[in-house]
Amino acid sequence: MPIHISRRKLLIASTGSLLISLTPFARAAQAGADIVASRIWPATAYTRMTLESTTPIQFKYFQLKNPDRLVIDIQGSATNQVLRELSSKVIPMDPYIASVRIGQFNPETIRIVMDLKTTVNPQVFSLAPVANFKNRLVVDLYPTATVAMEQEKNDPLMALLQDYSHGKVNSDGTTRPQATASTPPVQKTPVIKPPVTNQPPQPGKPNKLNRQPVIMIDPGHGGEDPGATGPSGLHEKDVVLAIGREIKKILDSYGYKTYMTRNEDIFIPLGVRVAKARKLQADVFVSVHADAFTNPSAKGTGVYALSPKGATSAAAKYLAQTQNAADSIGGVNYSTDKNVNNTLFDLTQTATINDSLKLGKDVLNQLSRINNLHKGSVDQANFAVLKAPDIPSILVETAFISNPTEERLLSTSDFRQKVASSIASGIKEYLSTAILARR
């Protein structure tokens, strides 16, 4: 039975508002993009909306004020049930989106109107198919630069994301130089900057010889990037966030100053994770994962450090490749390093890798008490997230989520707590040894 089509349009041109028809045209863009999925990921640092399509999405966008709105026009397509459900995915806690409206602007154009709670800095871009994703249109709503700078006092993430979107953050966490060629940037020495106690510091002005160790915990993946998925549907990003939070609690109780690269279900580019650790002058960087392997029988816990050359095993090489693909899967608009540079490993980097191996050994020894090890020593490969030139950094594969038995372990709070306690104890052992070695 034919569906009656109304051609009424809402016209409020005199106020600068939108011309939008709320009813789809049946004949619109028969050969255009077919939107098959829509998602919204709200977070403090930024909110992301993605539309997934069978074909590349052609789009235009612009902003309107009084009130704040972002308007996205998708050419060559028609509204469908997936798009009509988008408005229901906006939640009250979203810091940036108040509501979303969808309509057929004309026979060839879908118009999406995002009613905003505040002025934003939007980044809108398309992504080619990768992994299990089809063509994607990504809409990232960042706070304004002014808000980001204000937030930097407590957490530099917002400002770093702004810098990243403008090509100012490299894959090793360094930022585009502010200095000129005549004033080279100061290199941070690859040594632990210790306090000598696990008790909270006494009041007084901190310095390099008297302050809390700074630990950066990096729960892998997040947001649009789920990481690996177990046989029963358990997502790596959820498991490692829970473990990361537990690690932070334990390290805080030791008197260390602990940060997380993410404490929400949010996608953070690899370079920004490293840049945040460098910005906060971290002494240790630990990335937490629960990866999958091609063979579901693969099992065991592993610890990995950066390699200046090739990987030390086929498994390490495979895991590095899957982890380094996070930016492509999560979706980034801009990367300053299109190719990972392996050549510039100076003495600072070499010393840092040696420290990373010591840190990894201490953590691995603790983890061996709660689960079988995938390998009895620290493995190495070219993990992008471990590329900070001046921070001892390791990646912990807590267990293989692709293994049914280990997936069940990872789903339990008891095992997660044991993993967190083991990692924290290994970090504590490493810091204690490093401090004694400097005395």
Protein backbone atom coordinates (compact mmCIF):
# COMPACT_ATOMS: atom_id res chain seq x y z
CA MET A 1 0.00 0.00 0.00
CA PRO A 2 1.53 3.37 -1.00
CA ILE A 3 2.66 5.66 1.78
CA HIS A 4 1.26 9.18 1.69
CA ILE A 5 4.12 11.69 1.41
CA SER A 6 3.79 15.15 2.89
CA ARG A 7 5.84 17.99 1.39
CA ARG A 8 5.35 20.49 4.19
CA LYS A 9 8.50 22.30 5.15
CA LEU A 10 9.46 24.21 8.22
CA LEU A 11 10.71 27.63 7.13
CA ILE A 12 12.10 30.06 9.67
CA ALA A 13 14.60 31.76 7.42
CA SER A 14 14.24 35.18 9.04
CA THR A 15 15.83 33.91 12.26
CA GLY A 16 18.68 32.08 10.58
CA SER A 17 17.19 28.71 11.47
CA LEU A 18 16.86 25.70 9.22
CA LEU A 19 14.83 24.80 6.19
CA ILE A 20 13.99 21.18 6.91
CA SER A 21 11.35 18.73 5.78
CA LEU A 22 10.49 16.13 8.37
CA THR A 23 9.18 13.49 5.96
CA PRO A 24 11.46 11.40 3.69
CA PHE A 25 11.03 11.37 -0.06
CA ALA A 26 10.58 7.85 -1.40
CA ARG A 27 12.50 8.61 -4.57
CA ALA A 28 15.56 10.10 -2.84
CA ALA A 29 18.97 8.82 -3.88
CA GLN A 30 18.12 5.30 -4.92
CA ALA A 31 21.78 4.59 -5.67
CA GLY A 32 23.15 6.63 -2.77
CA ALA A 33 24.63 5.73 0.59
CA ASP A 34 22.66 3.26 2.67
CA ILE A 35 23.19 4.06 6.36
CA VAL A 36 23.42 0.72 8.17
CA ALA A 37 24.56 1.76 11.68
CA SER A 38 24.68 4.84 13.89
CA ARG A 39 26.45 5.36 17.21
CA ILE A 40 27.00 8.13 19.74
CA TRP A 41 29.86 8.01 22.27
CA PRO A 42 29.48 10.78 24.88
CA ALA A 43 32.48 11.66 27.06
CA THR A 44 33.90 14.59 28.97
CA ALA A 45 36.81 15.11 26.58
CA TYR A 46 34.65 14.96 23.45
CA THR A 47 31.52 13.34 22.06
CA ARG A 48 31.66 11.27 18.88
CA MET A 49 28.84 10.40 16.51
CA THR A 50 29.43 7.91 13.69
CA LEU A 51 27.30 6.85 10.75
CA GLU A 52 28.24 3.69 8.90
CA SER A 53 27.33 3.16 5.26
CA THR A 54 27.66 0.61 2.49
CA THR A 55 29.17 3.30 0.24
CA PRO A 56 31.27 6.44 0.88
CA ILE A 57 29.25 9.25 2.45
CA GLN A 58 29.23 12.63 0.73
CA PHE A 59 28.60 15.42 3.21
CA LYS A 60 28.73 19.11 4.05
CA TYR A 61 28.39 20.76 7.44
CA PHE A 62 28.08 24.17 9.05
CA GLN A 63 27.36 25.71 12.45
CA LEU A 64 24.58 28.03 13.61
CA LYS A 65 24.42 30.26 16.68
CA ASN A 66 21.69 31.43 19.04
CA PRO A 67 21.09 28.63 19.81
CA ASP A 68 24.20 26.57 19.03
CA ARG A 69 23.62 23.91 16.38
CA LEU A 70 25.71 21.78 14.06
CA VAL A 71 24.08 20.95 10.72
CA ILE A 72 25.26 18.04 8.58
CA ASP A 73 23.90 17.49 5.09
CA ILE A 74 24.38 14.03 3.58
CA GLN A 75 24.07 13.99 -0.19
CA GLY A 76 22.67 11.16 -2.25
CA SER A 77 20.79 9.34 0.45
CA ALA A 78 17.40 8.97 2.11
CA THR A 79 16.28 8.61 5.69
CA ASN A 80 15.73 5.11 7.03
CA GLN A 81 15.02 3.38 10.33
CA VAL A 82 18.70 3.50 11.41
CA LEU A 83 18.78 7.27 11.06
CA ARG A 84 15.40 7.75 12.69
CA GLU A 85 16.71 5.89 15.75
CA LEU A 86 19.70 8.22 16.09
CA SER A 87 17.81 10.75 18.22
CA SER A 88 17.04 8.08 20.83
CA LYS A 89 20.78 7.48 21.33
CA VAL A 90 21.35 10.91 22.85
CA ILE A 91 21.57 10.59 26.63
CA PRO A 92 20.99 13.35 29.21
CA MET A 93 24.57 13.13 30.53
CA ASP A 94 26.08 13.96 27.13
CA PRO A 95 28.08 17.15 27.80
CA TYR A 96 27.73 18.47 24.24
CA ILE A 97 24.58 17.18 22.49
CA ALA A 98 21.10 18.17 23.71
CA SER A 99 19.18 16.45 20.91
CA VAL A 100 19.42 15.28 17.30
CA ARG A 101 16.84 15.86 14.56
CA ILE A 102 16.73 14.07 11.20
CA GLY A 103 14.85 15.10 8.09
CA GLN A 104 14.83 14.88 4.29
CA PHE A 105 15.92 18.38 3.31
CA ASN A 106 15.31 17.74 -0.38
CA PRO A 107 15.02 14.64 -2.59
CA GLU A 108 18.81 14.28 -2.63
CA THR A 109 19.82 15.39 0.86
CA ILE A 110 19.38 14.19 4.43
CA ARG A 111 19.78 16.94 7.00
CA ILE A 112 20.97 16.13 10.54
CA VAL A 113 20.62 18.92 13.09
CA MET A 114 22.52 18.54 16.33
CA ASP A 115 21.18 20.85 19.03
CA LEU A 116 24.15 21.63 21.26
CA LYS A 117 24.47 22.40 24.95
CA THR A 118 27.50 24.62 24.37
CA THR A 119 29.72 26.03 21.66
CA VAL A 120 31.93 23.30 20.21
CA ASN A 121 34.90 22.83 17.94
CA PRO A 122 33.62 20.18 15.48
CA GLN A 123 35.82 17.83 13.47
CA VAL A 124 33.84 16.08 10.72
CA PHE A 125 35.54 13.57 8.43
CA SER A 126 35.06 10.29 6.58
CA LEU A 127 36.86 6.99 6.99
CA ALA A 128 37.34 4.18 4.49
CA PRO A 129 36.37 0.62 5.47
CA VAL A 130 38.71 -1.06 7.97
CA ALA A 131 38.45 -4.23 10.08
CA ASN A 132 34.72 -4.89 10.62
CA PHE A 133 33.70 -1.32 9.81
CA LYS A 134 32.22 -0.15 6.54
CA ASN A 135 32.46 3.45 5.30
CA ARG A 136 32.09 5.86 8.20
CA LEU A 137 31.21 9.49 8.70
CA VAL A 138 32.69 10.70 11.99
CA VAL A 139 31.53 13.78 13.87
CA ASP A 140 33.73 14.69 16.84
CA LEU A 141 32.50 17.50 19.08
CA TYR A 142 35.41 18.97 21.02
CA PRO A 143 35.20 21.78 23.55
CA THR A 144 36.46 25.14 22.39
CA ALA A 145 40.19 25.81 22.70
CA THR A 146 39.54 28.14 25.62
CA VAL A 147 37.69 25.47 27.59
CA ALA A 148 40.37 22.91 26.73
CA MET A 149 43.11 25.16 28.08
CA GLU A 150 41.18 25.73 31.29
CA GLN A 151 40.74 22.00 31.77
CA GLU A 152 44.46 21.43 31.20
CA LYS A 153 45.15 22.52 34.77
CA ASN A 154 43.66 19.22 35.99
CA ASP A 155 43.96 16.98 32.96
CA PRO A 156 45.83 17.86 29.73
CA LEU A 157 43.77 15.46 27.60
CA MET A 158 41.38 18.01 26.10
CA ALA A 159 44.19 20.37 25.05
CA LEU A 160 46.23 17.47 23.63
CA LEU A 161 43.27 16.30 21.56
CA GLN A 162 42.98 19.84 20.20
CA ASP A 163 46.69 19.80 19.34
CA TYR A 164 46.36 16.37 17.74
CA SER A 165 43.50 17.50 15.52
CA HIS A 166 45.77 20.29 14.26
CA GLY A 167 48.71 17.98 13.58
CA LYS A 168 50.79 19.06 16.57
CA VAL A 169 51.23 15.66 18.25
CA ASN A 170 53.64 13.05 16.92
CA SER A 171 53.25 9.30 17.30
CA ASP A 172 55.92 9.18 20.01
CA GLY A 173 54.04 11.68 22.15
CA THR A 174 56.30 14.60 21.34
CA THR A 175 54.62 17.79 20.18
CA ARG A 176 55.39 20.11 17.32
CA PRO A 177 58.29 22.32 18.43
CA GLN A 178 57.61 25.68 19.95
CA ALA A 179 61.32 26.39 19.90
CA THR A 180 63.24 27.59 16.86
CA ALA A 181 66.15 25.87 15.17
CA SER A 182 68.58 27.97 17.21
CA THR A 183 66.98 26.84 20.47
CA PRO A 184 66.65 23.05 20.35
CA PRO A 185 64.09 21.47 22.70
CA VAL A 186 65.36 20.30 26.05
CA GLN A 187 65.65 16.52 26.32
CA LYS A 188 64.31 14.88 29.44
CA THR A 189 66.85 12.49 30.99
CA PRO A 190 65.81 8.82 31.00
CA VAL A 191 65.95 8.30 34.72
CA ILE A 192 63.41 7.74 37.46
CA LYS A 193 62.62 10.91 39.34
CA PRO A 194 62.03 9.29 42.69
CA PRO A 195 60.52 9.92 45.99
CA VAL A 196 61.96 7.41 48.40
CA THR A 197 58.84 6.43 50.26
CA ASN A 198 55.50 4.84 49.63
CA GLN A 199 53.89 7.24 52.10
CA PRO A 200 52.14 10.41 50.91
CA PRO A 201 54.65 13.28 50.59
CA GLN A 202 55.06 15.80 53.35
CA PRO A 203 53.99 19.39 52.68
CA GLY A 204 56.63 21.40 50.94
CA LYS A 205 57.84 22.34 47.50
CA PRO A 206 58.38 19.19 45.39
CA ASN A 207 61.48 18.73 43.26
CA LYS A 208 63.09 16.00 41.17
CA LEU A 209 64.54 14.32 44.24
CA ASN A 210 61.53 14.63 46.50
CA ARG A 211 58.18 13.91 44.92
CA GLN A 212 55.72 11.13 44.34
CA PRO A 213 56.43 8.83 41.40
CA VAL A 214 54.02 9.55 38.57
CA ILE A 215 52.36 6.51 36.98
CA MET A 216 50.32 6.55 33.77
CA ILE A 217 47.87 3.66 33.37
CA ASP A 218 46.66 3.18 29.81
CA PRO A 219 43.52 1.05 29.36
CA GLY A 220 43.69 0.08 25.69
CA HIS A 221 41.09 0.83 23.01
CA GLY A 222 37.76 2.50 23.92
CA GLY A 223 34.78 4.16 22.30
CA GLU A 224 34.50 3.32 18.63
CA ASP A 225 37.37 0.84 19.01
CA PRO A 226 36.20 -2.15 21.10
CA GLY A 227 39.52 -3.98 20.87
CA ALA A 228 39.25 -7.75 20.73
CA THR A 229 35.94 -9.48 21.42
CA GLY A 230 35.68 -12.84 23.18
CA PRO A 231 33.56 -15.83 22.09
CA SER A 232 30.71 -14.77 24.39
CA GLY A 233 30.87 -11.10 23.32
CA LEU A 234 33.05 -9.64 26.10
CA HIS A 235 34.85 -6.52 24.83
CA GLU A 236 38.51 -5.90 25.58
CA LYS A 237 37.93 -2.17 26.08
CA ASP A 238 35.54 -2.82 28.99
CA VAL A 239 37.76 -5.39 30.69
CA VAL A 240 40.91 -3.28 30.61
CA LEU A 241 39.13 -0.14 31.80
CA ALA A 242 37.91 -2.04 34.86
CA ILE A 243 41.42 -3.39 35.50
CA GLY A 244 42.98 0.04 34.97
CA ARG A 245 40.71 1.59 37.57
CA GLU A 246 41.70 -1.10 40.07
CA ILE A 247 45.40 -0.55 39.37
CA LYS A 248 44.95 3.16 40.01
CA LYS A 249 43.25 2.55 43.36
CA ILE A 250 46.10 0.33 44.53
CA LEU A 251 48.87 2.65 43.33
CA ASP A 252 47.13 5.62 44.93
CA SER A 253 47.11 3.70 48.22
CA TYR A 254 50.89 3.30 47.88
CA GLY A 255 51.23 7.07 47.79
CA TYR A 256 52.02 7.35 44.09
CA LYS A 257 50.48 9.97 41.82
CA THR A 258 48.50 8.00 39.29
CA TYR A 259 46.73 9.04 36.09
CA MET A 260 44.80 7.19 33.39
CA THR A 261 44.91 7.94 29.68
CA ARG A 262 41.17 7.31 29.67
CA ASN A 263 38.67 6.76 32.46
CA GLU A 264 35.65 6.65 30.17
CA ASP A 265 34.48 4.63 27.19
CA ILE A 266 36.24 6.95 24.76
CA PHE A 267 38.62 6.55 21.84
CA ILE A 268 42.01 8.21 22.40
CA PRO A 269 44.62 8.17 19.58
CA LEU A 270 47.83 6.32 20.41
CA GLY A 271 50.02 9.40 20.10
CA VAL A 272 47.78 11.36 22.47
CA ARG A 273 48.07 8.61 25.09
CA VAL A 274 51.85 8.90 24.97
CA ALA A 275 51.71 12.70 24.86
CA LYS A 276 49.58 12.78 28.01
CA ALA A 277 52.17 10.68 29.85
CA ARG A 278 54.95 13.02 28.74
CA LYS A 279 52.93 16.12 29.59
CA LEU A 280 52.45 14.86 33.15
CA GLN A 281 56.12 13.78 33.38
CA ALA A 282 55.28 10.16 34.08
CA ASP A 283 57.97 7.89 35.47
CA VAL A 284 56.22 4.73 34.29
CA PHE A 285 53.72 3.99 31.50
CA VAL A 286 51.74 0.74 31.57
CA SER A 287 49.29 -0.11 28.78
CA VAL A 288 46.73 -2.78 29.72
CA HIS A 289 45.21 -5.15 27.15
CA ALA A 290 43.41 -8.47 26.76
CA ASP A 291 44.04 -9.34 23.17
CA ALA A 292 42.95 -12.01 20.73
CA PHE A 293 45.04 -14.35 18.63
CA THR A 294 44.38 -16.18 15.37
CA ASN A 295 44.21 -19.48 17.26
CA PRO A 296 41.61 -19.56 20.07
CA SER A 297 43.78 -22.05 21.97
CA ALA A 298 46.41 -19.35 22.58
CA LYS A 299 46.48 -18.50 26.27
CA GLY A 300 48.57 -17.00 29.01
CA THR A 301 49.69 -13.64 30.31
CA GLY A 302 52.45 -11.65 28.61
CA VAL A 303 54.44 -8.45 29.02
CA TYR A 304 55.93 -6.49 26.13
CA ALA A 305 58.42 -3.67 25.66
CA LEU A 306 59.44 -1.63 22.63
CA SER A 307 61.95 -3.04 20.17
CA PRO A 308 64.26 -0.75 18.17
CA LYS A 309 64.58 -3.51 15.57
CA GLY A 310 62.37 -6.43 14.69
CA ALA A 311 60.00 -8.24 17.01
CA THR A 312 61.50 -10.89 19.27
CA SER A 313 58.77 -13.40 18.36
CA ALA A 314 56.07 -13.94 15.76
CA ALA A 315 53.40 -13.53 18.43
CA ALA A 316 54.85 -10.18 19.56
CA LYS A 317 54.92 -8.97 15.95
CA TYR A 318 51.30 -9.98 15.42
CA LEU A 319 50.14 -8.31 18.64
CA ALA A 320 52.02 -5.12 17.80
CA GLN A 321 50.34 -5.01 14.40
CA THR A 322 46.89 -5.42 15.92
CA GLN A 323 47.51 -2.81 18.62
CA ASN A 324 49.04 -0.32 16.20
CA ALA A 325 45.89 -0.59 14.07
CA ALA A 326 43.89 1.05 16.88
CA ASP A 327 44.06 4.50 15.28
CA SER A 328 42.66 3.19 11.99
CA ILE A 329 39.88 1.28 13.75
CA GLY A 330 39.03 4.01 16.25
CA GLY A 331 39.21 6.58 13.49
CA VAL A 332 41.53 9.57 13.41
CA ASN A 333 41.25 12.71 11.36
CA TYR A 334 44.92 13.62 11.30
CA SER A 335 48.26 12.01 11.99
CA THR A 336 51.57 13.84 11.81
CA ASP A 337 53.50 10.61 11.25
CA LYS A 338 52.01 8.68 8.37
CA ASN A 339 54.78 6.11 8.75
CA VAL A 340 56.18 4.87 12.03
CA ASN A 341 59.81 5.93 12.23
CA ASN A 342 62.13 3.23 13.53
CA THR A 343 65.44 4.89 12.82
CA LEU A 344 65.89 7.57 15.46
CA PHE A 345 66.71 5.48 18.50
CA ASP A 346 69.32 7.54 20.33
CA LEU A 347 71.05 6.84 23.63
CA THR A 348 68.07 8.18 25.52
CA GLN A 349 65.73 5.73 23.80
CA THR A 350 68.13 2.83 24.36
CA ALA A 351 68.36 3.57 28.07
CA THR A 352 64.59 3.86 28.27
CA ILE A 353 64.12 0.47 26.62
CA ASN A 354 66.54 -1.09 29.11
CA ASP A 355 64.51 0.39 31.96
CA SER A 356 61.32 -0.84 30.29
CA LEU A 357 62.70 -4.39 30.24
CA LYS A 358 63.47 -4.16 33.97
CA LEU A 359 59.98 -2.85 34.67
CA GLY A 360 58.47 -5.57 32.49
CA LYS A 361 60.41 -8.29 34.30
CA ASP A 362 59.19 -7.12 37.71
CA VAL A 363 55.58 -7.00 36.51
CA LEU A 364 55.87 -10.36 34.74
CA ASN A 365 57.24 -12.01 37.91
CA GLN A 366 54.18 -10.84 39.84
CA LEU A 367 51.74 -11.91 37.13
CA SER A 368 53.28 -15.40 36.98
CA ARG A 369 51.76 -16.04 40.41
CA ILE A 370 48.18 -15.72 39.17
CA ASN A 371 48.21 -17.14 35.63
CA ASN A 372 50.34 -19.16 33.25
CA LEU A 373 52.68 -17.04 31.18
CA HIS A 374 52.50 -16.93 27.40
CA LYS A 375 56.28 -16.54 27.43
CA GLY A 376 58.68 -16.64 30.38
CA SER A 377 60.42 -13.38 29.52
CA VAL A 378 59.53 -9.87 28.38
CA ASP A 379 58.81 -9.92 24.64
CA GLN A 380 59.53 -6.99 22.33
CA ALA A 381 58.03 -5.47 19.20
CA ASN A 382 57.33 -2.09 17.65
CA PHE A 383 54.30 -1.08 19.73
CA ALA A 384 53.36 2.50 18.87
CA VAL A 385 51.96 3.20 22.34
CA LEU A 386 55.35 2.39 23.93
CA LYS A 387 57.32 4.94 21.89
CA ALA A 388 57.85 7.64 24.53
CA PRO A 389 61.62 8.29 24.30
CA ASP A 390 62.02 9.09 27.99
CA ILE A 391 59.46 6.99 29.93
CA PRO A 392 59.93 3.30 30.79
CA SER A 393 56.89 1.76 29.10
CA ILE A 394 55.38 -1.71 28.92
CA LEU A 395 52.27 -3.32 27.50
CA VAL A 396 50.58 -6.04 29.56
CA GLU A 397 48.45 -8.67 27.87
CA THR A 398 46.47 -9.78 30.90
CA ALA A 399 45.07 -12.87 29.14
CA PHE A 400 43.73 -13.87 25.72
CA ILE A 401 40.10 -12.84 25.46
CA SER A 402 39.85 -15.05 22.36
CA ASN A 403 40.41 -18.12 24.54
CA PRO A 404 37.06 -19.24 26.05
CA THR A 405 38.62 -20.23 29.36
CA GLU A 406 40.56 -17.01 29.76
CA GLU A 407 37.58 -14.94 28.62
CA ARG A 408 35.64 -16.39 31.56
CA LEU A 409 38.52 -15.42 33.86
CA LEU A 410 38.58 -11.87 32.50
CA SER A 411 34.85 -11.53 33.13
CA THR A 412 35.28 -12.07 36.89
CA SER A 413 36.04 -9.29 39.36
CA ASP A 414 38.29 -11.69 41.31
CA PHE A 415 40.70 -12.24 38.41
CA ARG A 416 40.66 -8.57 37.44
CA GLN A 417 41.56 -7.64 41.02
CA LYS A 418 44.42 -10.16 41.04
CA VAL A 419 45.76 -8.79 37.76
CA ALA A 420 45.56 -5.22 39.03
CA SER A 421 47.30 -6.13 42.29
CA SER A 422 50.07 -7.98 40.44
CA ILE A 423 50.73 -5.11 38.04
CA ALA A 424 50.76 -2.58 40.88
CA SER A 425 53.14 -4.74 42.91
CA GLY A 426 55.48 -5.07 39.92
CA ILE A 427 55.52 -1.31 39.43
CA LYS A 428 56.25 -0.80 43.12
CA GLU A 429 59.12 -3.30 42.99
CA TYR A 430 60.60 -1.62 39.93
CA LEU A 431 60.41 1.86 41.42
CA SER A 432 61.95 0.70 44.70
CA THR A 433 64.84 -0.96 42.87
CA ALA A 434 65.38 2.01 40.59
CA ILE A 435 65.47 4.39 43.53
CA LEU A 436 67.96 2.26 45.46
CA ALA A 437 70.17 2.03 42.37
CA ARG A 438 70.44 5.82 42.29
CA ARG A 439 71.40 6.26 45.91
